[in-house]
């Protein structure tokens, strides 16, 4: 996403071999927040 035209990021981490947990957290966040729009091409 963008904040004041600058790119922002968020990292979701989970314990080793818990990839499914990280994906569930990401999916839940996306359902609440919605999908971020693509930044404009430079």
PDB file of N, CA and C in Angstrom:
ATOM      1  N   UNK A   1       0.807  -1.175   0.000  1.00  0.00           N
ATOM      2  CA  UNK A   1       0.000   0.000   0.000  1.00  0.00           C
ATOM      3  C   UNK A   1       0.860   1.252   0.000  1.00  0.00           C
ATOM      4  N   UNK A   2       0.206   2.371  -0.012  1.00  0.00           N
ATOM      5  CA  UNK A   2       0.899   3.651  -0.019  1.00  0.00           C
ATOM      6  C   UNK A   2       0.415   4.518   1.131  1.00  0.00           C
ATOM      7  N   UNK A   3       1.311   5.323   1.676  1.00  0.00           N
ATOM      8  CA  UNK A   3       0.979   6.330   2.677  1.00  0.00           C
ATOM      9  C   UNK A   3       1.646   7.616   2.228  1.00  0.00           C
ATOM     10  N   UNK A   4       0.866   8.614   1.937  1.00  0.00           N
ATOM     11  CA  UNK A   4       1.397   9.877   1.420  1.00  0.00           C
ATOM     12  C   UNK A   4       2.242   9.649   0.170  1.00  0.00           C
ATOM     13  N   UNK A   5       1.816   8.684  -0.654  1.00  0.00           N
ATOM     14  CA  UNK A   5       2.519   8.403  -1.898  1.00  0.00           C
ATOM     15  C   UNK A   5       3.761   7.547  -1.757  1.00  0.00           C
ATOM     16  N   UNK A   6       4.092   7.139  -0.529  1.00  0.00           N
ATOM     17  CA  UNK A   6       5.270   6.311  -0.293  1.00  0.00           C
ATOM     18  C   UNK A   6       4.850   4.874  -0.004  1.00  0.00           C
ATOM     19  N   UNK A   7       5.629   3.896  -0.457  1.00  0.00           N
ATOM     20  CA  UNK A   7       5.270   2.497  -0.214  1.00  0.00           C
ATOM     21  C   UNK A   7       5.418   2.121   1.263  1.00  0.00           C
ATOM     22  N   UNK A   8       4.517   1.292   1.733  1.00  0.00           N
ATOM     23  CA  UNK A   8       4.550   0.794   3.104  1.00  0.00           C
ATOM     24  C   UNK A   8       4.443  -0.728   3.036  1.00  0.00           C
ATOM     25  N   UNK A   9       4.982  -1.407   4.021  1.00  0.00           N
ATOM     26  CA  UNK A   9       4.943  -2.865   4.023  1.00  0.00           C
ATOM     27  C   UNK A   9       4.607  -3.373   5.416  1.00  0.00           C
ATOM     28  N   UNK A  10       4.166  -4.607   5.456  1.00  0.00           N
ATOM     29  CA  UNK A  10       3.904  -5.285   6.716  1.00  0.00           C
ATOM     30  C   UNK A  10       4.418  -6.708   6.548  1.00  0.00           C
ATOM     31  N   UNK A  11       5.087  -7.222   7.559  1.00  0.00           N
ATOM     32  CA  UNK A  11       5.602  -8.580   7.493  1.00  0.00           C
ATOM     33  C   UNK A  11       4.872  -9.433   8.522  1.00  0.00           C
ATOM     34  N   UNK A  12       4.416 -10.581   8.082  1.00  0.00           N
ATOM     35  CA  UNK A  12       3.772 -11.532   8.984  1.00  0.00           C
ATOM     36  C   UNK A  12       4.739 -12.696   9.151  1.00  0.00           C
ATOM     37  N   UNK A  13       5.083 -12.993  10.391  1.00  0.00           N
ATOM     38  CA  UNK A  13       6.004 -14.096  10.666  1.00  0.00           C
ATOM     39  C   UNK A  13       5.306 -15.109  11.562  1.00  0.00           C
ATOM     40  N   UNK A  14       5.748 -16.334  11.467  1.00  0.00           N
ATOM     41  CA  UNK A  14       5.203 -17.423  12.278  1.00  0.00           C
ATOM     42  C   UNK A  14       6.366 -18.340  12.651  1.00  0.00           C
ATOM     43  N   UNK A  15       6.151 -19.177  13.634  1.00  0.00           N
ATOM     44  CA  UNK A  15       7.213 -20.120  13.999  1.00  0.00           C
ATOM     45  C   UNK A  15       7.595 -21.019  12.813  1.00  0.00           C
ATOM     46  N   UNK A  16       8.761 -21.593  12.905  1.00  0.00           N
ATOM     47  CA  UNK A  16       9.257 -22.490  11.863  1.00  0.00           C
ATOM     48  C   UNK A  16       8.232 -23.580  11.548  1.00  0.00           C
ATOM     49  N   UNK A  17       8.047 -23.842  10.277  1.00  0.00           N
ATOM     50  CA  UNK A  17       7.135 -24.867   9.759  1.00  0.00           C
ATOM     51  C   UNK A  17       5.664 -24.550  10.025  1.00  0.00           C
ATOM     52  N   UNK A  18       5.359 -23.295  10.330  1.00  0.00           N
ATOM     53  CA  UNK A  18       3.976 -22.879  10.571  1.00  0.00           C
ATOM     54  C   UNK A  18       3.508 -21.932   9.461  1.00  0.00           C
ATOM     55  N   UNK A  19       3.865 -22.260   8.225  1.00  0.00           N
ATOM     56  CA  UNK A  19       3.488 -21.420   7.088  1.00  0.00           C
ATOM     57  C   UNK A  19       1.975 -21.245   6.993  1.00  0.00           C
ATOM     58  N   UNK A  20       1.236 -22.300   7.271  1.00  0.00           N
ATOM     59  CA  UNK A  20      -0.226 -22.221   7.184  1.00  0.00           C
ATOM     60  C   UNK A  20      -0.772 -21.181   8.163  1.00  0.00           C
ATOM     61  N   UNK A  21      -0.169 -21.064   9.329  1.00  0.00           N
ATOM     62  CA  UNK A  21      -0.590 -20.061  10.306  1.00  0.00           C
ATOM     63  C   UNK A  21      -0.380 -18.655   9.751  1.00  0.00           C
ATOM     64  N   UNK A  22       0.781 -18.404   9.167  1.00  0.00           N
ATOM     65  CA  UNK A  22       1.060 -17.086   8.595  1.00  0.00           C
ATOM     66  C   UNK A  22       0.067 -16.763   7.483  1.00  0.00           C
ATOM     67  N   UNK A  23      -0.265 -17.738   6.662  1.00  0.00           N
ATOM     68  CA  UNK A  23      -1.230 -17.514   5.582  1.00  0.00           C
ATOM     69  C   UNK A  23      -2.628 -17.240   6.128  1.00  0.00           C
ATOM     70  N   UNK A  24      -3.014 -17.917   7.198  1.00  0.00           N
ATOM     71  CA  UNK A  24      -4.333 -17.657   7.806  1.00  0.00           C
ATOM     72  C   UNK A  24      -4.394 -16.249   8.384  1.00  0.00           C
ATOM     73  N   UNK A  25      -3.322 -15.822   9.030  1.00  0.00           N
ATOM     74  CA  UNK A  25      -3.269 -14.462   9.573  1.00  0.00           C
ATOM     75  C   UNK A  25      -3.370 -13.451   8.437  1.00  0.00           C
ATOM     76  N   UNK A  26      -2.621 -13.668   7.365  1.00  0.00           N
ATOM     77  CA  UNK A  26      -2.658 -12.758   6.217  1.00  0.00           C
ATOM     78  C   UNK A  26      -4.051 -12.711   5.602  1.00  0.00           C
ATOM     79  N   UNK A  27      -4.689 -13.850   5.473  1.00  0.00           N
ATOM     80  CA  UNK A  27      -6.035 -13.890   4.898  1.00  0.00           C
ATOM     81  C   UNK A  27      -7.029 -13.157   5.796  1.00  0.00           C
ATOM     82  N   UNK A  28      -6.933 -13.353   7.101  1.00  0.00           N
ATOM     83  CA  UNK A  28      -7.839 -12.667   8.024  1.00  0.00           C
ATOM     84  C   UNK A  28      -7.629 -11.160   7.957  1.00  0.00           C
ATOM     85  N   UNK A  29      -6.377 -10.721   7.896  1.00  0.00           N
ATOM     86  CA  UNK A  29      -6.090  -9.287   7.797  1.00  0.00           C
ATOM     87  C   UNK A  29      -6.662  -8.715   6.503  1.00  0.00           C
ATOM     88  N   UNK A  30      -6.480  -9.425   5.409  1.00  0.00           N
ATOM     89  CA  UNK A  30      -6.973  -8.945   4.117  1.00  0.00           C
ATOM     90  C   UNK A  30      -8.497  -8.865   4.109  1.00  0.00           C
ATOM     91  N   UNK A  31      -9.166  -9.794   4.773  1.00  0.00           N
ATOM     92  CA  UNK A  31     -10.629  -9.753   4.831  1.00  0.00           C
ATOM     93  C   UNK A  31     -11.107  -8.536   5.610  1.00  0.00           C
ATOM     94  N   UNK A  32     -10.399  -8.167   6.674  1.00  0.00           N
ATOM     95  CA  UNK A  32     -10.782  -7.010   7.480  1.00  0.00           C
ATOM     96  C   UNK A  32     -10.394  -5.713   6.777  1.00  0.00           C
ATOM     97  N   UNK A  33      -9.184  -5.640   6.261  1.00  0.00           N
ATOM     98  CA  UNK A  33      -8.644  -4.409   5.666  1.00  0.00           C
ATOM     99  C   UNK A  33      -9.086  -4.212   4.225  1.00  0.00           C
ATOM    100  N   UNK A  34      -9.247  -5.301   3.504  1.00  0.00           N
ATOM    101  CA  UNK A  34      -9.497  -5.214   2.073  1.00  0.00           C
ATOM    102  C   UNK A  34      -8.176  -5.270   1.321  1.00  0.00           C
ATOM    103  N   UNK A  35      -8.266  -5.480   0.036  1.00  0.00           N
ATOM    104  CA  UNK A  35      -7.073  -5.599  -0.793  1.00  0.00           C
ATOM    105  C   UNK A  35      -6.522  -4.205  -1.069  1.00  0.00           C
ATOM    106  N   UNK A  36      -5.211  -4.048  -0.962  1.00  0.00           N
ATOM    107  CA  UNK A  36      -4.575  -2.767  -1.252  1.00  0.00           C
ATOM    108  C   UNK A  36      -4.562  -2.540  -2.755  1.00  0.00           C
ATOM    109  N   UNK A  37      -4.774  -1.311  -3.185  1.00  0.00           N
ATOM    110  CA  UNK A  37      -4.669  -1.024  -4.622  1.00  0.00           C
ATOM    111  C   UNK A  37      -3.212  -1.104  -5.075  1.00  0.00           C
ATOM    112  N   UNK A  38      -3.016  -1.416  -6.335  1.00  0.00           N
ATOM    113  CA  UNK A  38      -1.653  -1.456  -6.878  1.00  0.00           C
ATOM    114  C   UNK A  38      -1.104  -0.038  -6.962  1.00  0.00           C
ATOM    115  N   UNK A  39       0.179   0.133  -6.628  1.00  0.00           N
ATOM    116  CA  UNK A  39       0.763   1.475  -6.758  1.00  0.00           C
ATOM    117  C   UNK A  39       0.873   1.856  -8.232  1.00  0.00           C
ATOM    118  N   UNK A  40       0.855   3.141  -8.529  1.00  0.00           N
ATOM    119  CA  UNK A  40       0.988   3.568  -9.922  1.00  0.00           C
ATOM    120  C   UNK A  40       2.366   3.204 -10.474  1.00  0.00           C
ATOM    121  N   UNK A  41       2.417   2.907 -11.748  1.00  0.00           N
ATOM    122  CA  UNK A  41       3.691   2.568 -12.390  1.00  0.00           C
ATOM    123  C   UNK A  41       4.552   3.816 -12.532  1.00  0.00           C
ATOM    124  N   UNK A  42       5.841   3.649 -12.294  1.00  0.00           N
ATOM    125  CA  UNK A  42       6.772   4.790 -12.386  1.00  0.00           C
ATOM    126  C   UNK A  42       7.093   5.119 -13.825  1.00  0.00           C
TER     127      UNK A  42
END
